[in-house]
PDB file of N, CA and C in Angstrom:
ATOM      1  N   MET A   1      -6.066  10.314  14.421  1.00  0.00           N
ATOM      2  CA  MET A   1      -4.954  10.233  13.486  1.00  0.00           C
ATOM      3  C   MET A   1      -4.211   8.905  13.690  1.00  0.00           C
ATOM      4  N   VAL A   2      -3.713   8.377  12.607  1.00  0.00           N
ATOM      5  CA  VAL A   2      -2.958   7.125  12.654  1.00  0.00           C
ATOM      6  C   VAL A   2      -1.627   7.375  13.349  1.00  0.00           C
ATOM      7  N   LYS A   3      -1.274   6.512  14.287  1.00  0.00           N
ATOM      8  CA  LYS A   3      -0.010   6.675  15.006  1.00  0.00           C
ATOM      9  C   LYS A   3       1.164   6.331  14.095  1.00  0.00           C
ATOM     10  N   ASP A   4       2.310   6.949  14.379  1.00  0.00           N
ATOM     11  CA  ASP A   4       3.527   6.648  13.640  1.00  0.00           C
ATOM     12  C   ASP A   4       3.895   5.190  13.863  1.00  0.00           C
ATOM     13  N   GLN A   5       4.225   4.487  12.772  1.00  0.00           N
ATOM     14  CA  GLN A   5       4.521   3.065  12.892  1.00  0.00           C
ATOM     15  C   GLN A   5       5.147   2.511  11.623  1.00  0.00           C
ATOM     16  N   HIS A   6       5.765   1.350  11.758  1.00  0.00           N
ATOM     17  CA  HIS A   6       6.208   0.558  10.613  1.00  0.00           C
ATOM     18  C   HIS A   6       5.126  -0.495  10.387  1.00  0.00           C
ATOM     19  N   VAL A   7       4.673  -0.624   9.153  1.00  0.00           N
ATOM     20  CA  VAL A   7       3.579  -1.530   8.821  1.00  0.00           C
ATOM     21  C   VAL A   7       4.094  -2.681   7.975  1.00  0.00           C
ATOM     22  N   VAL A   8       3.697  -3.887   8.334  1.00  0.00           N
ATOM     23  CA  VAL A   8       3.906  -5.069   7.504  1.00  0.00           C
ATOM     24  C   VAL A   8       2.516  -5.610   7.214  1.00  0.00           C
ATOM     25  N   TYR A   9       2.072  -5.443   5.977  1.00  0.00           N
ATOM     26  CA  TYR A   9       0.734  -5.856   5.579  1.00  0.00           C
ATOM     27  C   TYR A   9       0.828  -7.110   4.720  1.00  0.00           C
ATOM     28  N   LYS A  10       0.193  -8.167   5.162  1.00  0.00           N
ATOM     29  CA  LYS A  10       0.149  -9.404   4.386  1.00  0.00           C
ATOM     30  C   LYS A  10      -0.999  -9.293   3.382  1.00  0.00           C
ATOM     31  N   THR A  11      -0.669  -9.487   2.114  1.00  0.00           N
ATOM     32  CA  THR A  11      -1.685  -9.357   1.073  1.00  0.00           C
ATOM     33  C   THR A  11      -2.635 -10.546   1.105  1.00  0.00           C
ATOM     34  N   ASN A  12      -3.671 -10.473   0.279  1.00  0.00           N
ATOM     35  CA  ASN A  12      -4.716 -11.494   0.285  1.00  0.00           C
ATOM     36  C   ASN A  12      -4.317 -12.803  -0.396  1.00  0.00           C
ATOM     37  N   GLY A  13      -3.120 -12.885  -0.940  1.00  0.00           N
ATOM     38  CA  GLY A  13      -2.664 -14.106  -1.597  1.00  0.00           C
ATOM     39  C   GLY A  13      -3.115 -14.232  -3.044  1.00  0.00           C
ATOM     40  N   LYS A  14      -3.854 -13.256  -3.528  1.00  0.00           N
ATOM     41  CA  LYS A  14      -4.337 -13.290  -4.905  1.00  0.00           C
ATOM     42  C   LYS A  14      -3.507 -12.393  -5.828  1.00  0.00           C
ATOM     43  N   VAL A  15      -2.479 -11.759  -5.290  1.00  0.00           N
ATOM     44  CA  VAL A  15      -1.597 -10.893  -6.071  1.00  0.00           C
ATOM     45  C   VAL A  15      -0.169 -11.409  -5.957  1.00  0.00           C
ATOM     46  N   CYS A  16       0.700 -10.889  -6.778  1.00  0.00           N
ATOM     47  CA  CYS A  16       2.080 -11.385  -6.839  1.00  0.00           C
ATOM     48  C   CYS A  16       2.887 -11.043  -5.587  1.00  0.00           C
ATOM     49  N   ALA A  17       2.667  -9.877  -5.017  1.00  0.00           N
ATOM     50  CA  ALA A  17       3.379  -9.488  -3.802  1.00  0.00           C
ATOM     51  C   ALA A  17       2.751 -10.185  -2.598  1.00  0.00           C
ATOM     52  N   GLY A  18       3.593 -10.748  -1.739  1.00  0.00           N
ATOM     53  CA  GLY A  18       3.093 -11.424  -0.552  1.00  0.00           C
ATOM     54  C   GLY A  18       2.904 -10.499   0.634  1.00  0.00           C
ATOM     55  N   GLU A  19       3.703  -9.429   0.674  1.00  0.00           N
ATOM     56  CA  GLU A  19       3.626  -8.457   1.762  1.00  0.00           C
ATOM     57  C   GLU A  19       3.941  -7.077   1.215  1.00  0.00           C
ATOM     58  N   ILE A  20       3.476  -6.072   1.948  1.00  0.00           N
ATOM     59  CA  ILE A  20       3.833  -4.684   1.674  1.00  0.00           C
ATOM     60  C   ILE A  20       4.330  -4.091   2.984  1.00  0.00           C
ATOM     61  N   HIS A  21       5.520  -3.505   2.946  1.00  0.00           N
ATOM     62  CA  HIS A  21       6.105  -2.875   4.122  1.00  0.00           C
ATOM     63  C   HIS A  21       6.156  -1.368   3.870  1.00  0.00           C
ATOM     64  N   PHE A  22       5.812  -0.584   4.881  1.00  0.00           N
ATOM     65  CA  PHE A  22       5.947   0.873   4.766  1.00  0.00           C
ATOM     66  C   PHE A  22       5.910   1.505   6.147  1.00  0.00           C
ATOM     67  N   ASP A  23       6.377   2.750   6.201  1.00  0.00           N
ATOM     68  CA  ASP A  23       6.353   3.532   7.429  1.00  0.00           C
ATOM     69  C   ASP A  23       5.282   4.602   7.309  1.00  0.00           C
ATOM     70  N   VAL A  24       4.670   4.920   8.437  1.00  0.00           N
ATOM     71  CA  VAL A  24       3.706   6.015   8.511  1.00  0.00           C
ATOM     72  C   VAL A  24       4.240   7.003   9.539  1.00  0.00           C
ATOM     73  N   VAL A  25       4.412   8.255   9.111  1.00  0.00           N
ATOM     74  CA  VAL A  25       4.863   9.326   9.998  1.00  0.00           C
ATOM     75  C   VAL A  25       3.925  10.510   9.787  1.00  0.00           C
ATOM     76  N   ASN A  26       3.224  10.890  10.848  1.00  0.00           N
ATOM     77  CA  ASN A  26       2.250  11.981  10.781  1.00  0.00           C
ATOM     78  C   ASN A  26       1.220  11.768   9.674  1.00  0.00           C
ATOM     79  N   GLY A  27       0.785  10.521   9.496  1.00  0.00           N
ATOM     80  CA  GLY A  27      -0.233  10.205   8.505  1.00  0.00           C
ATOM     81  C   GLY A  27       0.263  10.145   7.075  1.00  0.00           C
ATOM     82  N   VAL A  28       1.594  10.220   6.903  1.00  0.00           N
ATOM     83  CA  VAL A  28       2.210  10.230   5.574  1.00  0.00           C
ATOM     84  C   VAL A  28       3.019   8.944   5.380  1.00  0.00           C
ATOM     85  N   ILE A  29       2.944   8.390   4.170  1.00  0.00           N
ATOM     86  CA  ILE A  29       3.618   7.126   3.846  1.00  0.00           C
ATOM     87  C   ILE A  29       5.050   7.373   3.379  1.00  0.00           C
ATOM     88  N   HIS A  30       5.950   6.519   3.875  1.00  0.00           N
ATOM     89  CA  HIS A  30       7.360   6.553   3.472  1.00  0.00           C
ATOM     90  C   HIS A  30       7.880   5.129   3.327  1.00  0.00           C
ATOM     91  N   ASN A  31       8.898   4.971   2.515  1.00  0.00           N
ATOM     92  CA  ASN A  31       9.660   3.715   2.414  1.00  0.00           C
ATOM     93  C   ASN A  31       8.808   2.501   2.042  1.00  0.00           C
ATOM     94  N   VAL A  32       7.951   2.646   1.068  1.00  0.00           N
ATOM     95  CA  VAL A  32       7.095   1.529   0.641  1.00  0.00           C
ATOM     96  C   VAL A  32       7.951   0.488  -0.065  1.00  0.00           C
ATOM     97  N   LYS A  33       7.754  -0.766   0.318  1.00  0.00           N
ATOM     98  CA  LYS A  33       8.465  -1.867  -0.332  1.00  0.00           C
ATOM     99  C   LYS A  33       7.505  -3.043  -0.461  1.00  0.00           C
ATOM    100  N   PHE A  34       7.337  -3.502  -1.688  1.00  0.00           N
ATOM    101  CA  PHE A  34       6.537  -4.690  -1.955  1.00  0.00           C
ATOM    102  C   PHE A  34       7.467  -5.890  -1.925  1.00  0.00           C
ATOM    103  N   ILE A  35       7.065  -6.945  -1.238  1.00  0.00           N
ATOM    104  CA  ILE A  35       7.832  -8.179  -1.197  1.00  0.00           C
ATOM    105  C   ILE A  35       7.221  -9.107  -2.239  1.00  0.00           C
ATOM    106  N   GLY A  36       7.915  -9.261  -3.355  1.00  0.00           N
ATOM    107  CA  GLY A  36       7.385  -9.984  -4.500  1.00  0.00           C
ATOM    108  C   GLY A  36       6.702  -9.002  -5.439  1.00  0.00           C
ATOM    109  N   GLY A  37       6.108  -9.537  -6.464  1.00  0.00           N
ATOM    110  CA  GLY A  37       5.424  -8.690  -7.431  1.00  0.00           C
ATOM    111  C   GLY A  37       6.319  -8.311  -8.590  1.00  0.00           C
ATOM    112  N   CYS A  38       5.751  -7.625  -9.541  1.00  0.00           N
ATOM    113  CA  CYS A  38       6.482  -7.175 -10.733  1.00  0.00           C
ATOM    114  C   CYS A  38       7.380  -6.015 -10.329  1.00  0.00           C
ATOM    115  N   LYS A  39       8.678  -6.218 -10.386  1.00  0.00           N
ATOM    116  CA  LYS A  39       9.638  -5.272  -9.834  1.00  0.00           C
ATOM    117  C   LYS A  39       9.421  -3.836 -10.316  1.00  0.00           C
ATOM    118  N   GLY A  40       9.317  -3.634 -11.611  1.00  0.00           N
ATOM    119  CA  GLY A  40       9.148  -2.280 -12.129  1.00  0.00           C
ATOM    120  C   GLY A  40       7.854  -1.634 -11.675  1.00  0.00           C
ATOM    121  N   ASN A  41       6.776  -2.386 -11.741  1.00  0.00           N
ATOM    122  CA  ASN A  41       5.471  -1.846 -11.341  1.00  0.00           C
ATOM    123  C   ASN A  41       5.431  -1.522  -9.857  1.00  0.00           C
ATOM    124  N   THR A  42       5.899  -2.442  -9.029  1.00  0.00           N
ATOM    125  CA  THR A  42       5.826  -2.188  -7.585  1.00  0.00           C
ATOM    126  C   THR A  42       6.775  -1.067  -7.169  1.00  0.00           C
ATOM    127  N   GLN A  43       7.939  -0.970  -7.819  1.00  0.00           N
ATOM    128  CA  GLN A  43       8.835   0.150  -7.515  1.00  0.00           C
ATOM    129  C   GLN A  43       8.201   1.471  -7.930  1.00  0.00           C
ATOM    130  N   GLY A  44       7.495   1.465  -9.063  1.00  0.00           N
ATOM    131  CA  GLY A  44       6.817   2.675  -9.517  1.00  0.00           C
ATOM    132  C   GLY A  44       5.718   3.100  -8.565  1.00  0.00           C
ATOM    133  N   VAL A  45       4.908   2.155  -8.138  1.00  0.00           N
ATOM    134  CA  VAL A  45       3.832   2.469  -7.189  1.00  0.00           C
ATOM    135  C   VAL A  45       4.432   2.978  -5.883  1.00  0.00           C
ATOM    136  N   ALA A  46       5.490   2.330  -5.418  1.00  0.00           N
ATOM    137  CA  ALA A  46       6.142   2.752  -4.174  1.00  0.00           C
ATOM    138  C   ALA A  46       6.664   4.187  -4.288  1.00  0.00           C
ATOM    139  N   ALA A  47       7.298   4.500  -5.409  1.00  0.00           N
ATOM    140  CA  ALA A  47       7.833   5.852  -5.605  1.00  0.00           C
ATOM    141  C   ALA A  47       6.715   6.888  -5.658  1.00  0.00           C
ATOM    142  N   LEU A  48       5.624   6.554  -6.316  1.00  0.00           N
ATOM    143  CA  LEU A  48       4.509   7.489  -6.427  1.00  0.00           C
ATOM    144  C   LEU A  48       3.782   7.692  -5.095  1.00  0.00           C
ATOM    145  N   ALA A  49       3.796   6.675  -4.230  1.00  0.00           N
ATOM    146  CA  ALA A  49       3.127   6.779  -2.928  1.00  0.00           C
ATOM    147  C   ALA A  49       3.967   7.561  -1.916  1.00  0.00           C
ATOM    148  N   GLU A  50       5.265   7.629  -2.130  1.00  0.00           N
ATOM    149  CA  GLU A  50       6.173   8.286  -1.184  1.00  0.00           C
ATOM    150  C   GLU A  50       5.735   9.719  -0.912  1.00  0.00           C
ATOM    151  N   GLY A  51       5.543  10.027   0.373  1.00  0.00           N
ATOM    152  CA  GLY A  51       5.217  11.386   0.784  1.00  0.00           C
ATOM    153  C   GLY A  51       3.745  11.755   0.719  1.00  0.00           C
ATOM    154  N   LEU A  52       2.901  10.808   0.297  1.00  0.00           N
ATOM    155  CA  LEU A  52       1.465  11.071   0.244  1.00  0.00           C
ATOM    156  C   LEU A  52       0.797  10.629   1.548  1.00  0.00           C
ATOM    157  N   THR A  53      -0.355  11.197   1.831  1.00  0.00           N
ATOM    158  CA  THR A  53      -1.104  10.769   3.010  1.00  0.00           C
ATOM    159  C   THR A  53      -1.721   9.401   2.758  1.00  0.00           C
ATOM    160  N   LEU A  54      -2.055   8.719   3.839  1.00  0.00           N
ATOM    161  CA  LEU A  54      -2.742   7.436   3.721  1.00  0.00           C
ATOM    162  C   LEU A  54      -4.018   7.582   2.899  1.00  0.00           C
ATOM    163  N   GLU A  55      -4.757   8.649   3.139  1.00  0.00           N
ATOM    164  CA  GLU A  55      -6.013   8.882   2.424  1.00  0.00           C
ATOM    165  C   GLU A  55      -5.782   9.040   0.927  1.00  0.00           C
ATOM    166  N   ASP A  56      -4.759   9.816   0.560  1.00  0.00           N
ATOM    167  CA  ASP A  56      -4.470  10.030  -0.859  1.00  0.00           C
ATOM    168  C   ASP A  56      -4.071   8.731  -1.548  1.00  0.00           C
ATOM    169  N   VAL A  57      -3.230   7.946  -0.900  1.00  0.00           N
ATOM    170  CA  VAL A  57      -2.802   6.680  -1.503  1.00  0.00           C
ATOM    171  C   VAL A  57      -3.996   5.745  -1.658  1.00  0.00           C
ATOM    172  N   ALA A  58      -4.832   5.659  -0.626  1.00  0.00           N
ATOM    173  CA  ALA A  58      -6.008   4.788  -0.696  1.00  0.00           C
ATOM    174  C   ALA A  58      -6.930   5.218  -1.838  1.00  0.00           C
ATOM    175  N   THR A  59      -7.175   6.504  -1.957  1.00  0.00           N
ATOM    176  CA  THR A  59      -8.064   7.017  -3.000  1.00  0.00           C
ATOM    177  C   THR A  59      -7.501   6.748  -4.392  1.00  0.00           C
ATOM    178  N   ARG A  60      -6.207   6.948  -4.555  1.00  0.00           N
ATOM    179  CA  ARG A  60      -5.599   6.819  -5.884  1.00  0.00           C
ATOM    180  C   ARG A  60      -5.392   5.372  -6.325  1.00  0.00           C
ATOM    181  N   THR A  61      -5.239   4.456  -5.399  1.00  0.00           N
ATOM    182  CA  THR A  61      -4.899   3.081  -5.789  1.00  0.00           C
ATOM    183  C   THR A  61      -6.035   2.082  -5.599  1.00  0.00           C
ATOM    184  N   MET A  62      -7.100   2.464  -4.895  1.00  0.00           N
ATOM    185  CA  MET A  62      -8.224   1.552  -4.675  1.00  0.00           C
ATOM    186  C   MET A  62      -8.903   1.226  -6.000  1.00  0.00           C
ATOM    187  N   GLY A  63      -9.107  -0.070  -6.225  1.00  0.00           N
ATOM    188  CA  GLY A  63      -9.839  -0.517  -7.399  1.00  0.00           C
ATOM    189  C   GLY A  63      -9.002  -0.765  -8.634  1.00  0.00           C
ATOM    190  N   ILE A  64      -7.688  -0.536  -8.560  1.00  0.00           N
ATOM    191  CA  ILE A  64      -6.836  -0.842  -9.714  1.00  0.00           C
ATOM    192  C   ILE A  64      -6.833  -2.353  -9.902  1.00  0.00           C
ATOM    193  N   ASP A  65      -7.082  -2.777 -11.133  1.00  0.00           N
ATOM    194  CA  ASP A  65      -7.261  -4.199 -11.444  1.00  0.00           C
ATOM    195  C   ASP A  65      -6.056  -4.761 -12.181  1.00  0.00           C
ATOM    196  N   CYS A  66      -5.665  -5.957 -11.799  1.00  0.00           N
ATOM    197  CA  CYS A  66      -4.616  -6.689 -12.505  1.00  0.00           C
ATOM    198  C   CYS A  66      -5.017  -8.150 -12.646  1.00  0.00           C
ATOM    199  N   HIS A  67      -5.484  -8.742 -11.552  1.00  0.00           N
ATOM    200  CA  HIS A  67      -5.860 -10.162 -11.513  1.00  0.00           C
ATOM    201  C   HIS A  67      -7.316 -10.303 -11.078  1.00  0.00           C
ATOM    202  N   GLY A  68      -8.239 -10.113 -11.984  1.00  0.00           N
ATOM    203  CA  GLY A  68      -9.649 -10.300 -11.649  1.00  0.00           C
ATOM    204  C   GLY A  68     -10.134  -9.444 -10.501  1.00  0.00           C
ATOM    205  N   GLY A  69      -9.826  -8.167 -10.531  1.00  0.00           N
ATOM    206  CA  GLY A  69     -10.282  -7.261  -9.478  1.00  0.00           C
ATOM    207  C   GLY A  69      -9.262  -7.017  -8.387  1.00  0.00           C
ATOM    208  N   GLU A  70      -8.129  -7.682  -8.466  1.00  0.00           N
ATOM    209  CA  GLU A  70      -7.081  -7.533  -7.453  1.00  0.00           C
ATOM    210  C   GLU A  70      -5.813  -6.990  -8.096  1.00  0.00           C
ATOM    211  N   SER A  71      -4.976  -6.342  -7.308  1.00  0.00           N
ATOM    212  CA  SER A  71      -3.677  -5.866  -7.780  1.00  0.00           C
ATOM    213  C   SER A  71      -2.832  -5.471  -6.585  1.00  0.00           C
ATOM    214  N   CYS A  72      -1.539  -5.334  -6.810  1.00  0.00           N
ATOM    215  CA  CYS A  72      -0.658  -4.867  -5.737  1.00  0.00           C
ATOM    216  C   CYS A  72      -1.022  -3.447  -5.295  1.00  0.00           C
ATOM    217  N   PRO A  73      -1.300  -2.508  -6.227  1.00  0.00           N
ATOM    218  CA  PRO A  73      -1.734  -1.188  -5.777  1.00  0.00           C
ATOM    219  C   PRO A  73      -3.035  -1.231  -4.972  1.00  0.00           C
ATOM    220  N   ASN A  74      -3.965  -2.076  -5.365  1.00  0.00           N
ATOM    221  CA  ASN A  74      -5.215  -2.203  -4.627  1.00  0.00           C
ATOM    222  C   ASN A  74      -4.967  -2.740  -3.218  1.00  0.00           C
ATOM    223  N   GLU A  75      -4.009  -3.644  -3.085  1.00  0.00           N
ATOM    224  CA  GLU A  75      -3.656  -4.153  -1.759  1.00  0.00           C
ATOM    225  C   GLU A  75      -3.043  -3.050  -0.895  1.00  0.00           C
ATOM    226  N   LEU A  76      -2.245  -2.173  -1.506  1.00  0.00           N
ATOM    227  CA  LEU A  76      -1.708  -1.022  -0.764  1.00  0.00           C
ATOM    228  C   LEU A  76      -2.854  -0.135  -0.293  1.00  0.00           C
ATOM    229  N   ALA A  77      -3.841   0.067  -1.141  1.00  0.00           N
ATOM    230  CA  ALA A  77      -5.011   0.851  -0.750  1.00  0.00           C
ATOM    231  C   ALA A  77      -5.719   0.219   0.445  1.00  0.00           C
ATOM    232  N   LYS A  78      -5.875  -1.095   0.415  1.00  0.00           N
ATOM    233  CA  LYS A  78      -6.538  -1.791   1.531  1.00  0.00           C
ATOM    234  C   LYS A  78      -5.739  -1.645   2.815  1.00  0.00           C
ATOM    235  N   ALA A  79      -4.413  -1.705   2.720  1.00  0.00           N
ATOM    236  CA  ALA A  79      -3.566  -1.532   3.907  1.00  0.00           C
ATOM    237  C   ALA A  79      -3.766  -0.133   4.490  1.00  0.00           C
ATOM    238  N   CYS A  80      -3.792   0.876   3.629  1.00  0.00           N
ATOM    239  CA  CYS A  80      -3.998   2.255   4.080  1.00  0.00           C
ATOM    240  C   CYS A  80      -5.374   2.415   4.709  1.00  0.00           C
ATOM    241  N   LYS A  81      -6.382   1.887   4.050  1.00  0.00           N
ATOM    242  CA  LYS A  81      -7.754   1.992   4.556  1.00  0.00           C
ATOM    243  C   LYS A  81      -7.892   1.326   5.917  1.00  0.00           C
ATOM    244  N   LYS A  82      -7.255   0.171   6.077  1.00  0.00           N
ATOM    245  CA  LYS A  82      -7.302  -0.532   7.360  1.00  0.00           C
ATOM    246  C   LYS A  82      -6.724   0.336   8.475  1.00  0.00           C
ATOM    247  N   LEU A  83      -5.600   0.971   8.222  1.00  0.00           N
ATOM    248  CA  LEU A  83      -4.993   1.840   9.235  1.00  0.00           C
ATOM    249  C   LEU A  83      -5.904   3.020   9.561  1.00  0.00           C
ATOM    250  N   ILE A  84      -6.494   3.597   8.542  1.00  0.00           N
ATOM    251  CA  ILE A  84      -7.398   4.737   8.738  1.00  0.00           C
ATOM    252  C   ILE A  84      -8.604   4.295   9.568  1.00  0.00           C
ATOM    253  N   ASP A  85      -9.174   3.169   9.246  1.00  0.00           N
ATOM    254  CA  ASP A  85     -10.367   2.671   9.952  1.00  0.00           C
ATOM    255  C   ASP A  85     -10.072   2.314  11.398  1.00  0.00           C
ATOM    256  N   GLU A  86      -8.844   1.861  11.676  1.00  0.00           N
ATOM    257  CA  GLU A  86      -8.480   1.460  13.034  1.00  0.00           C
ATOM    258  C   GLU A  86      -8.089   2.633  13.920  1.00  0.00           C
ATOM    259  N   ALA A  87      -7.874   3.801  13.311  1.00  0.00           N
ATOM    260  CA  ALA A  87      -7.403   4.980  14.085  1.00  0.00           C
ATOM    261  C   ALA A  87      -8.520   5.557  14.935  1.00  0.00           C
TER     262      ALA A  87
END
């Protein structure tokens, strides 16, 4: 299981958000904040991710396209997947 932690994930530089910050408690995401990006869209994604497991967020947001195969939600999925893979 992923340990409880505050995550600062640096995006790949191909999306509008430069970083994604969030907390993980018992494998559940809280307090998602995108640094940069389209304010309404990133706030919406953050609100929808609140209280979901890392696995659920990764499954729901992986592959969402905005910029030639990349997007802020897809970057959130990659951050979640990385934590899952490292556990």
